């Protein structure tokens, strides 16, 4: 039995029907899996099986150094969401609880290649002249 209940899978499939193009879920773990690595892998395997537009790639954080460097992953479990382009979207930890909905939203947005930002916001962001590193921390408490 998986971590996602059958009734939830039906709702997830319906949400993922909104996807336009194929999306890759690139997952970093290691052979001796870390805390929450097993659960994260199971969730990703289940979700990726719910849409033909999702592709799951799994890399070992210790041995797949080329991929680790390519995606600039510095901890595990790590999830990269991308299509033909890497937008820099990273999830660290298990995408569960409230974060699961955000994870699904990100899959759909990446499949459309559109962040949903307004034209005004896009104009303001054009004025940013150097790289910005944004991190959002979430805790279940």
C-alpha atoms as a PDB file:
ATOM      1  CA  UNK A   1       0.000   0.000   0.000  1.00  0.00           C
ATOM      2  CA  UNK A   2       1.332   3.414  -0.937  1.00  0.00           C
ATOM      3  CA  UNK A   3       1.440   6.644   1.005  1.00  0.00           C
ATOM      4  CA  UNK A   4      -1.267   8.258  -1.142  1.00  0.00           C
ATOM      5  CA  UNK A   5      -4.781   6.890  -0.719  1.00  0.00           C
ATOM      6  CA  UNK A   6      -6.767   5.855  -3.797  1.00  0.00           C
ATOM      7  CA  UNK A   7      -9.368   8.586  -3.206  1.00  0.00           C
ATOM      8  CA  UNK A   8      -6.561  11.176  -3.115  1.00  0.00           C
ATOM      9  CA  UNK A   9      -4.994   9.753  -6.294  1.00  0.00           C
ATOM     10  CA  UNK A  10      -8.211  10.420  -8.164  1.00  0.00           C
ATOM     11  CA  UNK A  11      -8.178  14.087  -7.091  1.00  0.00           C
ATOM     12  CA  UNK A  12      -4.467  14.405  -7.909  1.00  0.00           C
ATOM     13  CA  UNK A  13      -4.980  12.915 -11.391  1.00  0.00           C
ATOM     14  CA  UNK A  14      -7.710  15.479 -12.007  1.00  0.00           C
ATOM     15  CA  UNK A  15      -5.415  18.352 -10.951  1.00  0.00           C
ATOM     16  CA  UNK A  16      -2.572  17.025 -13.091  1.00  0.00           C
ATOM     17  CA  UNK A  17      -4.883  16.930 -16.121  1.00  0.00           C
ATOM     18  CA  UNK A  18      -4.255  20.690 -16.235  1.00  0.00           C
ATOM     19  CA  UNK A  19      -0.638  20.029 -17.261  1.00  0.00           C
ATOM     20  CA  UNK A  20       0.295  21.175 -20.750  1.00  0.00           C
ATOM     21  CA  UNK A  21       3.791  19.812 -21.439  1.00  0.00           C
ATOM     22  CA  UNK A  22       5.996  17.140 -19.951  1.00  0.00           C
ATOM     23  CA  UNK A  23       7.731  17.874 -16.634  1.00  0.00           C
ATOM     24  CA  UNK A  24      10.745  16.168 -15.103  1.00  0.00           C
ATOM     25  CA  UNK A  25      10.923  15.525 -11.392  1.00  0.00           C
ATOM     26  CA  UNK A  26      14.619  15.118 -10.623  1.00  0.00           C
ATOM     27  CA  UNK A  27      15.119  13.498  -7.222  1.00  0.00           C
ATOM     28  CA  UNK A  28      18.356  13.321  -5.227  1.00  0.00           C
ATOM     29  CA  UNK A  29      18.774  10.750  -2.480  1.00  0.00           C
ATOM     30  CA  UNK A  30      21.556   8.356  -1.507  1.00  0.00           C
ATOM     31  CA  UNK A  31      21.977   4.599  -1.188  1.00  0.00           C
ATOM     32  CA  UNK A  32      21.810   4.709   2.611  1.00  0.00           C
ATOM     33  CA  UNK A  33      18.727   6.878   2.561  1.00  0.00           C
ATOM     34  CA  UNK A  34      18.413   9.825   4.894  1.00  0.00           C
ATOM     35  CA  UNK A  35      15.541  10.718   7.179  1.00  0.00           C
ATOM     36  CA  UNK A  36      12.449  11.157   4.970  1.00  0.00           C
ATOM     37  CA  UNK A  37      14.282  10.017   1.799  1.00  0.00           C
ATOM     38  CA  UNK A  38      12.281   6.783   1.574  1.00  0.00           C
ATOM     39  CA  UNK A  39       8.958   8.586   2.065  1.00  0.00           C
ATOM     40  CA  UNK A  40       9.920  11.259  -0.444  1.00  0.00           C
ATOM     41  CA  UNK A  41      10.866   8.640  -3.045  1.00  0.00           C
ATOM     42  CA  UNK A  42       7.583   6.780  -2.520  1.00  0.00           C
ATOM     43  CA  UNK A  43       5.511   9.945  -2.898  1.00  0.00           C
ATOM     44  CA  UNK A  44       7.393  10.939  -6.060  1.00  0.00           C
ATOM     45  CA  UNK A  45       6.990   7.472  -7.559  1.00  0.00           C
ATOM     46  CA  UNK A  46       3.270   7.509  -6.828  1.00  0.00           C
ATOM     47  CA  UNK A  47       2.716  11.047  -8.160  1.00  0.00           C
ATOM     48  CA  UNK A  48       4.776  10.478 -11.303  1.00  0.00           C
ATOM     49  CA  UNK A  49       2.628   7.418 -12.027  1.00  0.00           C
ATOM     50  CA  UNK A  50      -0.525   9.552 -12.057  1.00  0.00           C
ATOM     51  CA  UNK A  51       0.244  11.468 -15.267  1.00  0.00           C
ATOM     52  CA  UNK A  52       1.896  10.463 -18.506  1.00  0.00           C
ATOM     53  CA  UNK A  53       3.368  13.972 -18.593  1.00  0.00           C
ATOM     54  CA  UNK A  54       5.556  13.376 -15.532  1.00  0.00           C
ATOM     55  CA  UNK A  55       9.035  11.824 -15.664  1.00  0.00           C
ATOM     56  CA  UNK A  56      10.907  10.849 -12.523  1.00  0.00           C
ATOM     57  CA  UNK A  57      14.693  10.723 -12.545  1.00  0.00           C
ATOM     58  CA  UNK A  58      16.519   9.520  -9.436  1.00  0.00           C
ATOM     59  CA  UNK A  59      20.141  10.371  -8.705  1.00  0.00           C
ATOM     60  CA  UNK A  60      22.445   9.400  -5.863  1.00  0.00           C
ATOM     61  CA  UNK A  61      23.731  12.464  -4.013  1.00  0.00           C
ATOM     62  CA  UNK A  62      27.056  10.746  -3.250  1.00  0.00           C
ATOM     63  CA  UNK A  63      27.876   9.171  -6.614  1.00  0.00           C
ATOM     64  CA  UNK A  64      26.130  11.279  -9.279  1.00  0.00           C
ATOM     65  CA  UNK A  65      28.350  14.332  -8.752  1.00  0.00           C
ATOM     66  CA  UNK A  66      27.843  15.678 -12.282  1.00  0.00           C
ATOM     67  CA  UNK A  67      24.083  15.911 -11.737  1.00  0.00           C
ATOM     68  CA  UNK A  68      24.524  17.282  -8.200  1.00  0.00           C
ATOM     69  CA  UNK A  69      26.703  20.076  -9.594  1.00  0.00           C
ATOM     70  CA  UNK A  70      24.471  20.661 -12.616  1.00  0.00           C
ATOM     71  CA  UNK A  71      21.439  21.265 -10.389  1.00  0.00           C
ATOM     72  CA  UNK A  72      23.429  22.848  -7.537  1.00  0.00           C
ATOM     73  CA  UNK A  73      21.877  20.543  -4.944  1.00  0.00           C
ATOM     74  CA  UNK A  74      23.504  20.820  -1.521  1.00  0.00           C
ATOM     75  CA  UNK A  75      21.354  18.580   0.703  1.00  0.00           C
ATOM     76  CA  UNK A  76      18.904  15.696   0.517  1.00  0.00           C
ATOM     77  CA  UNK A  77      16.194  14.744  -0.014  1.00  0.00           C
ATOM     78  CA  UNK A  78      16.126  17.215  -2.900  1.00  0.00           C
ATOM     79  CA  UNK A  79      13.587  17.614  -5.682  1.00  0.00           C
ATOM     80  CA  UNK A  80      14.106  19.649  -8.852  1.00  0.00           C
ATOM     81  CA  UNK A  81      11.048  20.483 -10.956  1.00  0.00           C
ATOM     82  CA  UNK A  82      11.820  21.385 -14.564  1.00  0.00           C
ATOM     83  CA  UNK A  83      10.727  21.068 -18.153  1.00  0.00           C
ATOM     84  CA  UNK A  84      13.016  21.939 -21.060  1.00  0.00           C
ATOM     85  CA  UNK A  85      14.183  24.747 -18.799  1.00  0.00           C
ATOM     86  CA  UNK A  86      15.407  24.670 -15.205  1.00  0.00           C
ATOM     87  CA  UNK A  87      13.600  27.493 -13.374  1.00  0.00           C
ATOM     88  CA  UNK A  88      15.557  26.922 -10.173  1.00  0.00           C
ATOM     89  CA  UNK A  89      12.630  25.344  -8.314  1.00  0.00           C
ATOM     90  CA  UNK A  90      13.916  23.119  -5.510  1.00  0.00           C
ATOM     91  CA  UNK A  91      12.136  21.294  -2.717  1.00  0.00           C
ATOM     92  CA  UNK A  92      14.243  20.031   0.175  1.00  0.00           C
ATOM     93  CA  UNK A  93      12.537  17.496   2.384  1.00  0.00           C
ATOM     94  CA  UNK A  94       9.356  15.559   1.857  1.00  0.00           C
ATOM     95  CA  UNK A  95       6.564  17.387  -0.059  1.00  0.00           C
ATOM     96  CA  UNK A  96       3.811  16.472   2.393  1.00  0.00           C
ATOM     97  CA  UNK A  97       1.124  18.292   4.306  1.00  0.00           C
ATOM     98  CA  UNK A  98       0.472  21.808   3.055  1.00  0.00           C
ATOM     99  CA  UNK A  99       3.595  21.656   0.877  1.00  0.00           C
ATOM    100  CA  UNK A 100       2.061  18.855  -1.213  1.00  0.00           C
ATOM    101  CA  UNK A 101      -0.480  21.230  -2.753  1.00  0.00           C
ATOM    102  CA  UNK A 102       2.306  23.697  -3.572  1.00  0.00           C
ATOM    103  CA  UNK A 103       4.298  20.845  -5.123  1.00  0.00           C
ATOM    104  CA  UNK A 104       1.368  19.979  -7.414  1.00  0.00           C
ATOM    105  CA  UNK A 105       0.865  23.651  -8.319  1.00  0.00           C
ATOM    106  CA  UNK A 106       4.545  23.913  -9.247  1.00  0.00           C
ATOM    107  CA  UNK A 107       4.301  20.846 -11.499  1.00  0.00           C
ATOM    108  CA  UNK A 108       1.385  22.446 -13.337  1.00  0.00           C
ATOM    109  CA  UNK A 109       3.009  25.901 -13.622  1.00  0.00           C
ATOM    110  CA  UNK A 110       6.254  24.419 -14.943  1.00  0.00           C
ATOM    111  CA  UNK A 111       4.298  22.364 -17.495  1.00  0.00           C
ATOM    112  CA  UNK A 112       2.882  25.640 -18.834  1.00  0.00           C
ATOM    113  CA  UNK A 113       6.224  27.446 -18.685  1.00  0.00           C
ATOM    114  CA  UNK A 114       4.462  30.338 -16.979  1.00  0.00           C
ATOM    115  CA  UNK A 115       4.722  31.558 -13.398  1.00  0.00           C
ATOM    116  CA  UNK A 116       1.374  33.326 -13.472  1.00  0.00           C
ATOM    117  CA  UNK A 117       2.975  36.642 -12.514  1.00  0.00           C
ATOM    118  CA  UNK A 118       1.208  39.768 -13.739  1.00  0.00           C
ATOM    119  CA  UNK A 119       2.706  41.916 -16.515  1.00  0.00           C
ATOM    120  CA  UNK A 120       3.347  44.659 -13.944  1.00  0.00           C
ATOM    121  CA  UNK A 121       5.304  42.291 -11.694  1.00  0.00           C
ATOM    122  CA  UNK A 122       7.319  41.051 -14.668  1.00  0.00           C
ATOM    123  CA  UNK A 123       8.224  44.654 -15.536  1.00  0.00           C
ATOM    124  CA  UNK A 124       9.361  45.380 -11.976  1.00  0.00           C
ATOM    125  CA  UNK A 125      11.466  42.204 -11.933  1.00  0.00           C
ATOM    126  CA  UNK A 126      13.289  43.253 -15.107  1.00  0.00           C
ATOM    127  CA  UNK A 127      14.955  45.951 -13.008  1.00  0.00           C
ATOM    128  CA  UNK A 128      16.685  43.317 -10.839  1.00  0.00           C
ATOM    129  CA  UNK A 129      20.252  43.421 -12.111  1.00  0.00           C
ATOM    130  CA  UNK A 130      21.972  40.691 -10.115  1.00  0.00           C
ATOM    131  CA  UNK A 131      21.087  37.129  -9.066  1.00  0.00           C
ATOM    132  CA  UNK A 132      18.722  36.766  -6.120  1.00  0.00           C
ATOM    133  CA  UNK A 133      18.578  33.642  -3.962  1.00  0.00           C
ATOM    134  CA  UNK A 134      15.146  33.187  -2.366  1.00  0.00           C
ATOM    135  CA  UNK A 135      14.482  30.489   0.212  1.00  0.00           C
ATOM    136  CA  UNK A 136      11.196  29.699   1.904  1.00  0.00           C
ATOM    137  CA  UNK A 137      11.353  27.667   5.098  1.00  0.00           C
ATOM    138  CA  UNK A 138       8.340  25.714   6.271  1.00  0.00           C
ATOM    139  CA  UNK A 139       7.852  23.901   9.545  1.00  0.00           C
ATOM    140  CA  UNK A 140       4.908  21.721  10.580  1.00  0.00           C
ATOM    141  CA  UNK A 141       4.597  23.436  13.986  1.00  0.00           C
END
